[in-house]
């Protein structure tokens, strides 16, 4: 499993985070296949992202309660495009907040 935390300023609000995450992912050609919440992280926003028809799912979670944003990739859902794009997405999101 891969898990990568992003550095998010304390002053940023949920509405802004959601807008930035969705915009950066769209600009990088990613498609949201699921948007919801995780029971383990109450009131979180959780996305599943795909890159066209390529194998693999990148998960992103924003948990307002802990002011935490992170990427996660399950062992059975990894792919080269994910490993290549995590640093790019991380930089773009952190620079946008």
PDB file of N, CA and C in Angstrom:
ATOM      1  N   UNK A   1       0.843  -1.189   0.000  1.00  0.00           N
ATOM      2  CA  UNK A   1       0.000   0.000   0.000  1.00  0.00           C
ATOM      3  C   UNK A   1       0.881   1.243   0.000  1.00  0.00           C
ATOM      4  N   UNK A   2       0.458   2.238  -0.753  1.00  0.00           N
ATOM      5  CA  UNK A   2       1.125   3.536  -0.785  1.00  0.00           C
ATOM      6  C   UNK A   2       0.202   4.532  -0.084  1.00  0.00           C
ATOM      7  N   UNK A   3       0.765   5.361   0.788  1.00  0.00           N
ATOM      8  CA  UNK A   3       0.002   6.434   1.423  1.00  0.00           C
ATOM      9  C   UNK A   3       0.895   7.663   1.479  1.00  0.00           C
ATOM     10  N   UNK A   4       0.395   8.784   0.952  1.00  0.00           N
ATOM     11  CA  UNK A   4       1.170  10.024   0.869  1.00  0.00           C
ATOM     12  C   UNK A   4       0.327  11.172   1.413  1.00  0.00           C
ATOM     13  N   UNK A   5       0.814  11.829   2.459  1.00  0.00           N
ATOM     14  CA  UNK A   5       0.134  12.996   3.018  1.00  0.00           C
ATOM     15  C   UNK A   5       0.539  14.251   2.270  1.00  0.00           C
ATOM     16  N   UNK A   6      -0.412  15.172   2.135  1.00  0.00           N
ATOM     17  CA  UNK A   6      -0.150  16.469   1.521  1.00  0.00           C
ATOM     18  C   UNK A   6      -0.106  17.525   2.620  1.00  0.00           C
ATOM     19  N   UNK A   7       0.687  18.551   2.400  1.00  0.00           N
ATOM     20  CA  UNK A   7       0.801  19.651   3.354  1.00  0.00           C
ATOM     21  C   UNK A   7      -0.253  20.703   3.027  1.00  0.00           C
ATOM     22  N   UNK A   8      -1.203  20.879   3.941  1.00  0.00           N
ATOM     23  CA  UNK A   8      -2.325  21.791   3.735  1.00  0.00           C
ATOM     24  C   UNK A   8      -2.329  22.835   4.848  1.00  0.00           C
ATOM     25  N   UNK A   9      -2.358  24.127   4.490  1.00  0.00           N
ATOM     26  CA  UNK A   9      -2.390  25.160   5.525  1.00  0.00           C
ATOM     27  C   UNK A   9      -3.640  25.054   6.398  1.00  0.00           C
ATOM     28  N   UNK A  10      -3.496  25.400   7.659  1.00  0.00           N
ATOM     29  CA  UNK A  10      -4.620  25.336   8.594  1.00  0.00           C
ATOM     30  C   UNK A  10      -5.773  26.249   8.186  1.00  0.00           C
ATOM     31  N   UNK A  11      -5.475  27.300   7.445  1.00  0.00           N
ATOM     32  CA  UNK A  11      -6.492  28.290   7.098  1.00  0.00           C
ATOM     33  C   UNK A  11      -7.413  27.852   5.956  1.00  0.00           C
ATOM     34  N   UNK A  12      -7.074  26.769   5.282  1.00  0.00           N
ATOM     35  CA  UNK A  12      -7.848  26.344   4.113  1.00  0.00           C
ATOM     36  C   UNK A  12      -9.155  25.689   4.554  1.00  0.00           C
ATOM     37  N   UNK A  13     -10.237  25.947   3.826  1.00  0.00           N
ATOM     38  CA  UNK A  13     -11.533  25.367   4.182  1.00  0.00           C
ATOM     39  C   UNK A  13     -11.882  24.219   3.229  1.00  0.00           C
ATOM     40  N   UNK A  14     -12.861  23.427   3.629  1.00  0.00           N
ATOM     41  CA  UNK A  14     -13.240  22.232   2.882  1.00  0.00           C
ATOM     42  C   UNK A  14     -13.682  22.546   1.459  1.00  0.00           C
ATOM     43  N   UNK A  15     -14.471  23.585   1.292  1.00  0.00           N
ATOM     44  CA  UNK A  15     -14.968  23.950  -0.040  1.00  0.00           C
ATOM     45  C   UNK A  15     -13.802  24.226  -0.994  1.00  0.00           C
ATOM     46  N   UNK A  16     -12.794  24.911  -0.506  1.00  0.00           N
ATOM     47  CA  UNK A  16     -11.624  25.228  -1.320  1.00  0.00           C
ATOM     48  C   UNK A  16     -10.825  23.976  -1.650  1.00  0.00           C
ATOM     49  N   UNK A  17     -10.620  23.111  -0.672  1.00  0.00           N
ATOM     50  CA  UNK A  17      -9.885  21.856  -0.895  1.00  0.00           C
ATOM     51  C   UNK A  17     -10.578  21.024  -1.970  1.00  0.00           C
ATOM     52  N   UNK A  18     -11.883  20.864  -1.851  1.00  0.00           N
ATOM     53  CA  UNK A  18     -12.639  20.060  -2.820  1.00  0.00           C
ATOM     54  C   UNK A  18     -12.475  20.642  -4.220  1.00  0.00           C
ATOM     55  N   UNK A  19     -12.622  21.948  -4.347  1.00  0.00           N
ATOM     56  CA  UNK A  19     -12.496  22.602  -5.652  1.00  0.00           C
ATOM     57  C   UNK A  19     -11.104  22.387  -6.237  1.00  0.00           C
ATOM     58  N   UNK A  20     -10.073  22.563  -5.427  1.00  0.00           N
ATOM     59  CA  UNK A  20      -8.688  22.417  -5.903  1.00  0.00           C
ATOM     60  C   UNK A  20      -8.397  20.965  -6.294  1.00  0.00           C
ATOM     61  N   UNK A  21      -8.752  20.018  -5.446  1.00  0.00           N
ATOM     62  CA  UNK A  21      -8.498  18.603  -5.739  1.00  0.00           C
ATOM     63  C   UNK A  21      -9.172  18.212  -7.048  1.00  0.00           C
ATOM     64  N   UNK A  22     -10.437  18.548  -7.195  1.00  0.00           N
ATOM     65  CA  UNK A  22     -11.175  18.154  -8.397  1.00  0.00           C
ATOM     66  C   UNK A  22     -10.636  18.847  -9.639  1.00  0.00           C
ATOM     67  N   UNK A  23     -10.246  20.104  -9.516  1.00  0.00           N
ATOM     68  CA  UNK A  23      -9.698  20.844 -10.661  1.00  0.00           C
ATOM     69  C   UNK A  23      -8.352  20.259 -11.093  1.00  0.00           C
ATOM     70  N   UNK A  24      -7.450  20.032 -10.140  1.00  0.00           N
ATOM     71  CA  UNK A  24      -6.119  19.492 -10.463  1.00  0.00           C
ATOM     72  C   UNK A  24      -6.260  18.112 -11.106  1.00  0.00           C
ATOM     73  N   UNK A  25      -7.114  17.280 -10.561  1.00  0.00           N
ATOM     74  CA  UNK A  25      -7.294  15.933 -11.129  1.00  0.00           C
ATOM     75  C   UNK A  25      -7.850  16.013 -12.549  1.00  0.00           C
ATOM     76  N   UNK A  26      -8.839  16.865 -12.760  1.00  0.00           N
ATOM     77  CA  UNK A  26      -9.414  17.019 -14.093  1.00  0.00           C
ATOM     78  C   UNK A  26      -8.370  17.537 -15.087  1.00  0.00           C
ATOM     79  N   UNK A  27      -7.569  18.515 -14.669  1.00  0.00           N
ATOM     80  CA  UNK A  27      -6.548  19.088 -15.556  1.00  0.00           C
ATOM     81  C   UNK A  27      -5.467  18.065 -15.910  1.00  0.00           C
ATOM     82  N   UNK A  28      -5.331  17.023 -15.118  1.00  0.00           N
ATOM     83  CA  UNK A  28      -4.359  15.961 -15.389  1.00  0.00           C
ATOM     84  C   UNK A  28      -4.999  14.754 -16.073  1.00  0.00           C
ATOM     85  N   UNK A  29      -6.228  14.919 -16.540  1.00  0.00           N
ATOM     86  CA  UNK A  29      -6.897  13.880 -17.303  1.00  0.00           C
ATOM     87  C   UNK A  29      -7.463  12.733 -16.501  1.00  0.00           C
ATOM     88  N   UNK A  30      -7.619  12.929 -15.197  1.00  0.00           N
ATOM     89  CA  UNK A  30      -8.159  11.870 -14.355  1.00  0.00           C
ATOM     90  C   UNK A  30      -9.679  11.982 -14.271  1.00  0.00           C
ATOM     91  N   UNK A  31     -10.332  10.835 -14.136  1.00  0.00           N
ATOM     92  CA  UNK A  31     -11.779  10.772 -14.047  1.00  0.00           C
ATOM     93  C   UNK A  31     -12.176  10.264 -12.674  1.00  0.00           C
ATOM     94  N   UNK A  32     -13.108  10.964 -12.056  1.00  0.00           N
ATOM     95  CA  UNK A  32     -13.633  10.536 -10.753  1.00  0.00           C
ATOM     96  C   UNK A  32     -14.676   9.451 -10.987  1.00  0.00           C
ATOM     97  N   UNK A  33     -14.419   8.263 -10.439  1.00  0.00           N
ATOM     98  CA  UNK A  33     -15.362   7.157 -10.582  1.00  0.00           C
ATOM     99  C   UNK A  33     -16.193   6.945  -9.324  1.00  0.00           C
ATOM    100  N   UNK A  34     -15.804   7.600  -8.228  1.00  0.00           N
ATOM    101  CA  UNK A  34     -16.544   7.505  -6.976  1.00  0.00           C
ATOM    102  C   UNK A  34     -16.217   8.727  -6.135  1.00  0.00           C
ATOM    103  N   UNK A  35     -17.246   9.307  -5.543  1.00  0.00           N
ATOM    104  CA  UNK A  35     -17.048  10.386  -4.573  1.00  0.00           C
ATOM    105  C   UNK A  35     -18.022  10.121  -3.437  1.00  0.00           C
ATOM    106  N   UNK A  36     -17.469   9.994  -2.235  1.00  0.00           N
ATOM    107  CA  UNK A  36     -18.317   9.695  -1.086  1.00  0.00           C
ATOM    108  C   UNK A  36     -17.597   9.993   0.201  1.00  0.00           C
ATOM    109  N   UNK A  37     -17.853   9.163   1.195  1.00  0.00           N
ATOM    110  CA  UNK A  37     -17.217   9.321   2.495  1.00  0.00           C
ATOM    111  C   UNK A  37     -16.777   7.938   2.987  1.00  0.00           C
ATOM    112  N   UNK A  38     -15.876   7.917   3.939  1.00  0.00           N
ATOM    113  CA  UNK A  38     -15.397   6.661   4.522  1.00  0.00           C
ATOM    114  C   UNK A  38     -15.879   6.579   5.962  1.00  0.00           C
ATOM    115  N   UNK A  39     -16.481   5.455   6.329  1.00  0.00           N
ATOM    116  CA  UNK A  39     -16.986   5.275   7.688  1.00  0.00           C
ATOM    117  C   UNK A  39     -15.873   5.435   8.722  1.00  0.00           C
ATOM    118  N   UNK A  40     -14.672   5.012   8.357  1.00  0.00           N
ATOM    119  CA  UNK A  40     -13.526   5.096   9.271  1.00  0.00           C
ATOM    120  C   UNK A  40     -13.145   6.549   9.578  1.00  0.00           C
ATOM    121  N   UNK A  41     -13.492   7.459   8.645  1.00  0.00           N
ATOM    122  CA  UNK A  41     -13.176   8.883   8.791  1.00  0.00           C
ATOM    123  C   UNK A  41     -14.471   9.685   8.643  1.00  0.00           C
ATOM    124  N   UNK A  42     -15.229   9.847   9.738  1.00  0.00           N
ATOM    125  CA  UNK A  42     -16.524  10.523   9.665  1.00  0.00           C
ATOM    126  C   UNK A  42     -16.423  11.918   9.043  1.00  0.00           C
ATOM    127  N   UNK A  43     -17.372  12.219   8.181  1.00  0.00           N
ATOM    128  CA  UNK A  43     -17.465  13.512   7.488  1.00  0.00           C
ATOM    129  C   UNK A  43     -16.324  13.746   6.497  1.00  0.00           C
ATOM    130  N   UNK A  44     -15.631  12.691   6.111  1.00  0.00           N
ATOM    131  CA  UNK A  44     -14.557  12.833   5.125  1.00  0.00           C
ATOM    132  C   UNK A  44     -15.147  12.928   3.719  1.00  0.00           C
ATOM    133  N   UNK A  45     -14.312  13.380   2.784  1.00  0.00           N
ATOM    134  CA  UNK A  45     -14.641  13.331   1.358  1.00  0.00           C
ATOM    135  C   UNK A  45     -13.590  12.433   0.730  1.00  0.00           C
ATOM    136  N   UNK A  46     -14.072  11.441  -0.005  1.00  0.00           N
ATOM    137  CA  UNK A  46     -13.187  10.403  -0.539  1.00  0.00           C
ATOM    138  C   UNK A  46     -13.467  10.226  -2.029  1.00  0.00           C
ATOM    139  N   UNK A  47     -12.396  10.269  -2.821  1.00  0.00           N
ATOM    140  CA  UNK A  47     -12.506  10.120  -4.271  1.00  0.00           C
ATOM    141  C   UNK A  47     -11.760   8.872  -4.728  1.00  0.00           C
ATOM    142  N   UNK A  48     -12.274   8.214  -5.774  1.00  0.00           N
ATOM    143  CA  UNK A  48     -11.550   7.202  -6.543  1.00  0.00           C
ATOM    144  C   UNK A  48     -11.312   7.804  -7.913  1.00  0.00           C
ATOM    145  N   UNK A  49     -10.059   7.771  -8.371  1.00  0.00           N
ATOM    146  CA  UNK A  49      -9.697   8.374  -9.651  1.00  0.00           C
ATOM    147  C   UNK A  49      -9.054   7.353 -10.569  1.00  0.00           C
ATOM    148  N   UNK A  50      -9.402   7.464 -11.840  1.00  0.00           N
ATOM    149  CA  UNK A  50      -8.842   6.585 -12.857  1.00  0.00           C
ATOM    150  C   UNK A  50      -8.250   7.438 -13.968  1.00  0.00           C
ATOM    151  N   UNK A  51      -7.344   6.815 -14.724  1.00  0.00           N
ATOM    152  CA  UNK A  51      -6.715   7.464 -15.873  1.00  0.00           C
ATOM    153  C   UNK A  51      -7.146   6.711 -17.123  1.00  0.00           C
ATOM    154  N   UNK A  52      -8.226   7.189 -17.738  1.00  0.00           N
ATOM    155  CA  UNK A  52      -8.762   6.532 -18.919  1.00  0.00           C
ATOM    156  C   UNK A  52      -9.109   5.085 -18.617  1.00  0.00           C
ATOM    157  N   UNK A  53      -8.672   4.201 -19.511  1.00  0.00           N
ATOM    158  CA  UNK A  53      -8.959   2.772 -19.336  1.00  0.00           C
ATOM    159  C   UNK A  53      -7.778   2.030 -18.727  1.00  0.00           C
ATOM    160  N   UNK A  54      -6.771   2.792 -18.263  1.00  0.00           N
ATOM    161  CA  UNK A  54      -5.603   2.152 -17.664  1.00  0.00           C
ATOM    162  C   UNK A  54      -5.965   1.503 -16.328  1.00  0.00           C
ATOM    163  N   UNK A  55      -5.225   0.475 -16.007  1.00  0.00           N
ATOM    164  CA  UNK A  55      -5.389  -0.239 -14.745  1.00  0.00           C
ATOM    165  C   UNK A  55      -5.014   0.678 -13.578  1.00  0.00           C
ATOM    166  N   UNK A  56      -5.655   0.476 -12.445  1.00  0.00           N
ATOM    167  CA  UNK A  56      -5.279   1.188 -11.230  1.00  0.00           C
ATOM    168  C   UNK A  56      -6.293   2.218 -10.778  1.00  0.00           C
ATOM    169  N   UNK A  57      -6.350   2.421  -9.458  1.00  0.00           N
ATOM    170  CA  UNK A  57      -7.234   3.425  -8.847  1.00  0.00           C
ATOM    171  C   UNK A  57      -6.431   4.210  -7.817  1.00  0.00           C
ATOM    172  N   UNK A  58      -6.451   5.520  -7.965  1.00  0.00           N
ATOM    173  CA  UNK A  58      -5.847   6.422  -6.989  1.00  0.00           C
ATOM    174  C   UNK A  58      -6.961   6.928  -6.083  1.00  0.00           C
ATOM    175  N   UNK A  59      -6.768   6.774  -4.786  1.00  0.00           N
ATOM    176  CA  UNK A  59      -7.739   7.272  -3.817  1.00  0.00           C
ATOM    177  C   UNK A  59      -7.199   8.548  -3.181  1.00  0.00           C
ATOM    178  N   UNK A  60      -8.082   9.525  -3.009  1.00  0.00           N
ATOM    179  CA  UNK A  60      -7.732  10.757  -2.292  1.00  0.00           C
ATOM    180  C   UNK A  60      -8.790  10.958  -1.220  1.00  0.00           C
ATOM    181  N   UNK A  61      -8.342  11.307  -0.022  1.00  0.00           N
ATOM    182  CA  UNK A  61      -9.274  11.540   1.080  1.00  0.00           C
ATOM    183  C   UNK A  61      -8.963  12.868   1.754  1.00  0.00           C
ATOM    184  N   UNK A  62      -9.999  13.655   1.977  1.00  0.00           N
ATOM    185  CA  UNK A  62      -9.920  14.880   2.780  1.00  0.00           C
ATOM    186  C   UNK A  62     -10.735  14.639   4.043  1.00  0.00           C
ATOM    187  N   UNK A  63     -10.081  14.774   5.196  1.00  0.00           N
ATOM    188  CA  UNK A  63     -10.761  14.586   6.477  1.00  0.00           C
ATOM    189  C   UNK A  63     -10.679  15.895   7.251  1.00  0.00           C
ATOM    190  N   UNK A  64     -11.757  16.639   7.194  1.00  0.00           N
ATOM    191  CA  UNK A  64     -11.824  17.959   7.822  1.00  0.00           C
ATOM    192  C   UNK A  64     -11.549  17.889   9.324  1.00  0.00           C
ATOM    193  N   UNK A  65     -12.043  16.841   9.993  1.00  0.00           N
ATOM    194  CA  UNK A  65     -11.866  16.723  11.454  1.00  0.00           C
ATOM    195  C   UNK A  65     -10.400  16.771  11.867  1.00  0.00           C
ATOM    196  N   UNK A  66      -9.521  16.222  11.042  1.00  0.00           N
ATOM    197  CA  UNK A  66      -8.084  16.208  11.340  1.00  0.00           C
ATOM    198  C   UNK A  66      -7.300  17.146  10.414  1.00  0.00           C
ATOM    199  N   UNK A  67      -8.014  17.846   9.564  1.00  0.00           N
ATOM    200  CA  UNK A  67      -7.398  18.747   8.582  1.00  0.00           C
ATOM    201  C   UNK A  67      -6.286  17.998   7.822  1.00  0.00           C
ATOM    202  N   UNK A  68      -6.677  16.864   7.258  1.00  0.00           N
ATOM    203  CA  UNK A  68      -5.714  15.977   6.604  1.00  0.00           C
ATOM    204  C   UNK A  68      -6.186  15.626   5.193  1.00  0.00           C
ATOM    205  N   UNK A  69      -5.259  15.705   4.237  1.00  0.00           N
ATOM    206  CA  UNK A  69      -5.499  15.302   2.858  1.00  0.00           C
ATOM    207  C   UNK A  69      -4.412  14.315   2.475  1.00  0.00           C
ATOM    208  N   UNK A  70      -4.813  13.157   1.896  1.00  0.00           N
ATOM    209  CA  UNK A  70      -3.803  12.165   1.547  1.00  0.00           C
ATOM    210  C   UNK A  70      -4.226  11.332   0.343  1.00  0.00           C
ATOM    211  N   UNK A  71      -3.196  10.794  -0.322  1.00  0.00           N
ATOM    212  CA  UNK A  71      -3.378   9.827  -1.395  1.00  0.00           C
ATOM    213  C   UNK A  71      -3.205   8.439  -0.800  1.00  0.00           C
ATOM    214  N   UNK A  72      -3.939   7.482  -1.360  1.00  0.00           N
ATOM    215  CA  UNK A  72      -3.755   6.091  -0.965  1.00  0.00           C
ATOM    216  C   UNK A  72      -3.913   5.222  -2.206  1.00  0.00           C
ATOM    217  N   UNK A  73      -3.061   4.208  -2.281  1.00  0.00           N
ATOM    218  CA  UNK A  73      -3.167   3.234  -3.367  1.00  0.00           C
ATOM    219  C   UNK A  73      -3.069   1.845  -2.743  1.00  0.00           C
ATOM    220  N   UNK A  74      -4.112   1.051  -2.883  1.00  0.00           N
ATOM    221  CA  UNK A  74      -4.105  -0.316  -2.376  1.00  0.00           C
ATOM    222  C   UNK A  74      -3.177  -1.164  -3.239  1.00  0.00           C
ATOM    223  N   UNK A  75      -2.580  -2.184  -2.632  1.00  0.00           N
ATOM    224  CA  UNK A  75      -1.628  -3.060  -3.332  1.00  0.00           C
ATOM    225  C   UNK A  75      -2.190  -3.602  -4.641  1.00  0.00           C
ATOM    226  N   UNK A  76      -3.441  -4.021  -4.632  1.00  0.00           N
ATOM    227  CA  UNK A  76      -4.034  -4.628  -5.819  1.00  0.00           C
ATOM    228  C   UNK A  76      -4.612  -3.601  -6.802  1.00  0.00           C
ATOM    229  N   UNK A  77      -4.407  -2.315  -6.539  1.00  0.00           N
ATOM    230  CA  UNK A  77      -4.955  -1.270  -7.407  1.00  0.00           C
ATOM    231  C   UNK A  77      -3.876  -0.341  -7.956  1.00  0.00           C
ATOM    232  N   UNK A  78      -2.629  -0.729  -7.864  1.00  0.00           N
ATOM    233  CA  UNK A  78      -1.545   0.145  -8.284  1.00  0.00           C
ATOM    234  C   UNK A  78      -1.260   0.007  -9.782  1.00  0.00           C
ATOM    235  N   UNK A  79      -0.578   1.006 -10.314  1.00  0.00           N
ATOM    236  CA  UNK A  79      -0.223   1.036 -11.727  1.00  0.00           C
ATOM    237  C   UNK A  79       0.873   2.081 -11.910  1.00  0.00           C
ATOM    238  N   UNK A  80       1.601   1.973 -13.007  1.00  0.00           N
ATOM    239  CA  UNK A  80       2.697   2.919 -13.267  1.00  0.00           C
ATOM    240  C   UNK A  80       2.194   4.357 -13.350  1.00  0.00           C
ATOM    241  N   UNK A  81       1.031   4.593 -13.949  1.00  0.00           N
ATOM    242  CA  UNK A  81       0.537   5.964 -14.080  1.00  0.00           C
ATOM    243  C   UNK A  81       0.321   6.601 -12.713  1.00  0.00           C
ATOM    244  N   UNK A  82      -0.061   5.799 -11.725  1.00  0.00           N
ATOM    245  CA  UNK A  82      -0.298   6.334 -10.382  1.00  0.00           C
ATOM    246  C   UNK A  82       1.026   6.757  -9.752  1.00  0.00           C
ATOM    247  N   UNK A  83       2.000   5.872  -9.789  1.00  0.00           N
ATOM    248  CA  UNK A  83       3.304   6.196  -9.204  1.00  0.00           C
ATOM    249  C   UNK A  83       3.934   7.410  -9.883  1.00  0.00           C
ATOM    250  N   UNK A  84       3.737   7.539 -11.189  1.00  0.00           N
ATOM    251  CA  UNK A  84       4.281   8.685 -11.928  1.00  0.00           C
ATOM    252  C   UNK A  84       3.549   9.985 -11.595  1.00  0.00           C
ATOM    253  N   UNK A  85       2.253   9.890 -11.342  1.00  0.00           N
ATOM    254  CA  UNK A  85       1.437  11.096 -11.155  1.00  0.00           C
ATOM    255  C   UNK A  85       1.310  11.591  -9.726  1.00  0.00           C
ATOM    256  N   UNK A  86       1.539  10.749  -8.730  1.00  0.00           N
ATOM    257  CA  UNK A  86       1.395  11.212  -7.345  1.00  0.00           C
ATOM    258  C   UNK A  86       2.271  12.437  -7.058  1.00  0.00           C
ATOM    259  N   UNK A  87       3.563  12.438  -7.411  1.00  0.00           N
ATOM    260  CA  UNK A  87       4.366  13.635  -7.112  1.00  0.00           C
ATOM    261  C   UNK A  87       3.875  14.884  -7.846  1.00  0.00           C
ATOM    262  N   UNK A  88       3.402  14.712  -9.068  1.00  0.00           N
ATOM    263  CA  UNK A  88       2.895  15.841  -9.856  1.00  0.00           C
ATOM    264  C   UNK A  88       1.628  16.396  -9.215  1.00  0.00           C
ATOM    265  N   UNK A  89       0.686  15.519  -8.908  1.00  0.00           N
ATOM    266  CA  UNK A  89      -0.571  15.943  -8.286  1.00  0.00           C
ATOM    267  C   UNK A  89      -0.320  16.591  -6.927  1.00  0.00           C
ATOM    268  N   UNK A  90       0.574  15.997  -6.143  1.00  0.00           N
ATOM    269  CA  UNK A  90       0.918  16.529  -4.823  1.00  0.00           C
ATOM    270  C   UNK A  90       1.439  17.956  -4.954  1.00  0.00           C
ATOM    271  N   UNK A  91       2.388  18.170  -5.846  1.00  0.00           N
ATOM    272  CA  UNK A  91       2.951  19.507  -6.054  1.00  0.00           C
ATOM    273  C   UNK A  91       1.878  20.494  -6.509  1.00  0.00           C
ATOM    274  N   UNK A  92       1.064  20.107  -7.457  1.00  0.00           N
ATOM    275  CA  UNK A  92       0.041  21.017  -7.990  1.00  0.00           C
ATOM    276  C   UNK A  92      -1.011  21.381  -6.947  1.00  0.00           C
ATOM    277  N   UNK A  93      -1.430  20.405  -6.159  1.00  0.00           N
ATOM    278  CA  UNK A  93      -2.423  20.690  -5.114  1.00  0.00           C
ATOM    279  C   UNK A  93      -1.814  21.584  -4.038  1.00  0.00           C
ATOM    280  N   UNK A  94      -0.611  21.239  -3.571  1.00  0.00           N
ATOM    281  CA  UNK A  94       0.026  22.040  -2.509  1.00  0.00           C
ATOM    282  C   UNK A  94       0.312  23.458  -2.976  1.00  0.00           C
ATOM    283  N   UNK A  95       0.668  23.639  -4.250  1.00  0.00           N
ATOM    284  CA  UNK A  95       0.924  24.982  -4.768  1.00  0.00           C
ATOM    285  C   UNK A  95      -0.349  25.791  -4.945  1.00  0.00           C
ATOM    286  N   UNK A  96      -1.492  25.114  -5.038  1.00  0.00           N
ATOM    287  CA  UNK A  96      -2.763  25.787  -5.276  1.00  0.00           C
ATOM    288  C   UNK A  96      -3.490  26.223  -4.009  1.00  0.00           C
ATOM    289  N   UNK A  97      -3.038  25.704  -2.856  1.00  0.00           N
ATOM    290  CA  UNK A  97      -3.762  26.027  -1.617  1.00  0.00           C
ATOM    291  C   UNK A  97      -3.224  27.247  -0.932  1.00  0.00           C
TER     292      UNK A  97
END
